Protein backbone atom coordinates (compact mmCIF):
# COMPACT_ATOMS: atom_id res chain seq x y z
CA MET A 1 7.85 30.08 21.54
CA LYS A 2 4.61 30.98 19.82
CA LYS A 3 2.83 28.31 17.82
CA GLU A 4 2.66 30.52 14.74
CA GLU A 5 6.42 31.04 14.59
CA TYR A 6 8.34 28.96 12.08
CA ILE A 7 11.83 27.92 11.13
CA LYS A 8 12.71 27.44 7.48
CA LEU A 9 14.30 24.42 5.92
CA SER A 10 15.33 24.27 2.31
CA LEU A 11 13.60 21.62 0.23
CA TYR A 12 16.95 19.84 0.06
CA GLU A 13 17.30 19.81 3.87
CA ALA A 14 13.72 18.58 4.32
CA GLU A 15 14.21 15.86 1.70
CA GLU A 16 17.46 14.66 3.29
CA ILE A 17 15.89 14.56 6.76
CA LEU A 18 12.85 12.67 5.47
CA LYS A 19 15.05 10.14 3.65
CA GLU A 20 17.10 9.49 6.79
CA LEU A 21 14.02 9.13 8.97
CA ASN A 22 12.27 6.92 6.43
CA LEU A 23 15.23 4.55 6.18
CA ILE A 24 15.33 4.15 9.96
CA ILE A 25 11.59 3.99 10.63
CA VAL A 26 10.64 1.67 7.76
CA SER A 27 13.58 -0.66 8.38
CA LEU A 28 12.87 -0.96 12.09
CA HIS A 29 9.18 -1.52 11.37
CA ASN A 30 10.00 -4.21 8.81
CA MET A 31 12.28 -5.97 11.28
CA GLY A 32 9.66 -5.77 14.02
CA SER A 33 7.00 -7.19 11.70
CA PHE A 34 9.23 -10.01 10.48
CA TYR A 35 10.45 -11.00 13.92
CA SER A 36 7.11 -10.59 15.71
CA GLU A 37 6.48 -14.30 15.28
CA ASN A 38 10.11 -15.39 15.39
CA ILE A 39 12.81 -15.66 18.02
CA GLU A 40 13.24 -12.49 20.11
CA ARG A 41 17.01 -12.93 20.29
CA ASP A 42 17.23 -12.87 16.47
CA TYR A 43 15.26 -9.62 16.48
CA GLU A 44 17.65 -8.06 18.99
CA VAL A 45 20.71 -9.18 17.02
CA GLU A 46 19.27 -8.02 13.69
CA THR A 47 18.21 -4.64 15.12
CA THR A 48 21.64 -4.04 16.62
CA LYS A 49 23.29 -5.09 13.36
CA PHE A 50 21.08 -2.70 11.36
CA ILE A 51 21.78 0.20 13.73
CA ASP A 52 25.52 -0.39 13.56
CA GLU A 53 25.88 -1.15 9.84
CA ASN A 54 23.65 1.75 8.77
CA LYS A 55 25.20 4.23 11.19
CA VAL A 56 21.78 5.10 12.62
CA THR A 57 23.32 7.18 15.41
CA SER A 58 25.21 9.30 12.87
CA ARG A 59 22.10 9.70 10.75
CA LEU A 60 20.06 10.86 13.73
CA SER A 61 22.87 13.21 14.78
CA TYR A 62 22.81 14.73 11.30
CA ILE A 63 19.04 15.29 11.57
CA ARG A 64 19.43 16.87 15.01
CA ARG A 65 22.23 19.15 13.73
CA VAL A 66 20.25 20.39 10.71
CA LEU A 67 17.16 21.08 12.82
CA SER A 68 19.17 22.62 15.66
CA GLU A 69 20.98 25.03 13.33
CA LYS A 70 17.57 26.42 12.36
CA TYR A 71 15.84 26.07 15.72
CA TYR A 72 18.27 27.45 18.32
CA PRO A 73 18.83 30.86 16.70
CA ALA A 74 15.04 31.36 16.58
CA LEU A 75 14.75 31.05 20.39
CA THR A 76 15.05 33.76 22.97
CA GLU A 77 17.46 33.16 25.85
CA GLU A 78 14.51 32.27 28.11
CA GLU A 79 13.15 29.81 25.54
CA ARG A 80 16.60 28.24 25.17
CA ASP A 81 16.85 27.74 28.93
CA LYS A 82 13.41 26.11 28.96
CA TYR A 83 14.40 23.90 26.04
CA TYR A 84 17.59 22.73 27.78
CA ASP A 85 15.62 22.01 30.96
CA GLU A 86 13.14 19.91 28.97
CA MET A 87 15.97 17.99 27.30
CA GLU A 88 17.49 17.18 30.70
CA GLU A 89 14.16 15.71 31.84
CA LEU A 90 13.99 13.17 29.00
CA ASN A 91 14.29 9.52 29.95
CA TYR A 92 17.71 8.78 28.39
CA TRP A 93 19.07 5.26 28.44
CA GLU A 94 21.37 4.50 31.35
CA LYS A 95 23.34 1.39 32.03
CA PRO A 96 21.48 -1.19 34.12
CA GLY A 97 21.72 -0.46 37.81
CA ASP A 98 22.11 3.31 37.36
CA ARG A 99 18.40 4.05 36.97
CA ILE A 100 16.40 4.84 40.08
CA ASN A 101 13.67 2.43 38.87
CA ASP A 102 16.20 -0.42 38.80
CA PHE A 103 16.77 0.08 42.51
CA CYS A 104 13.06 0.36 43.29
CA GLU A 105 12.24 -2.85 41.38
CA VAL A 106 14.59 -4.77 43.66
CA LEU A 107 12.72 -3.61 46.75
């Protein structure tokens, strides 16, 4: 894709995405700042609680859907293939023991 090509979002879509991102980013930052000098376990519990109670996964899925609906149609088939390849190479979370690095650390 060329750098000068654009997708269009309505002002409403952009505002909704920014609100969702702001809620997540600011809240996680505030928790990190508060717990930086406190007990790590409390930070982990509070972060998990925030993610669950505020449906962070659903909010991020919404953002991905809105952007994807604009982005994918703008790509050529070749660009889509490249995009999917890049997504497969991301370092997604895996359960402990399933990551190649987990095995290497034991050695």
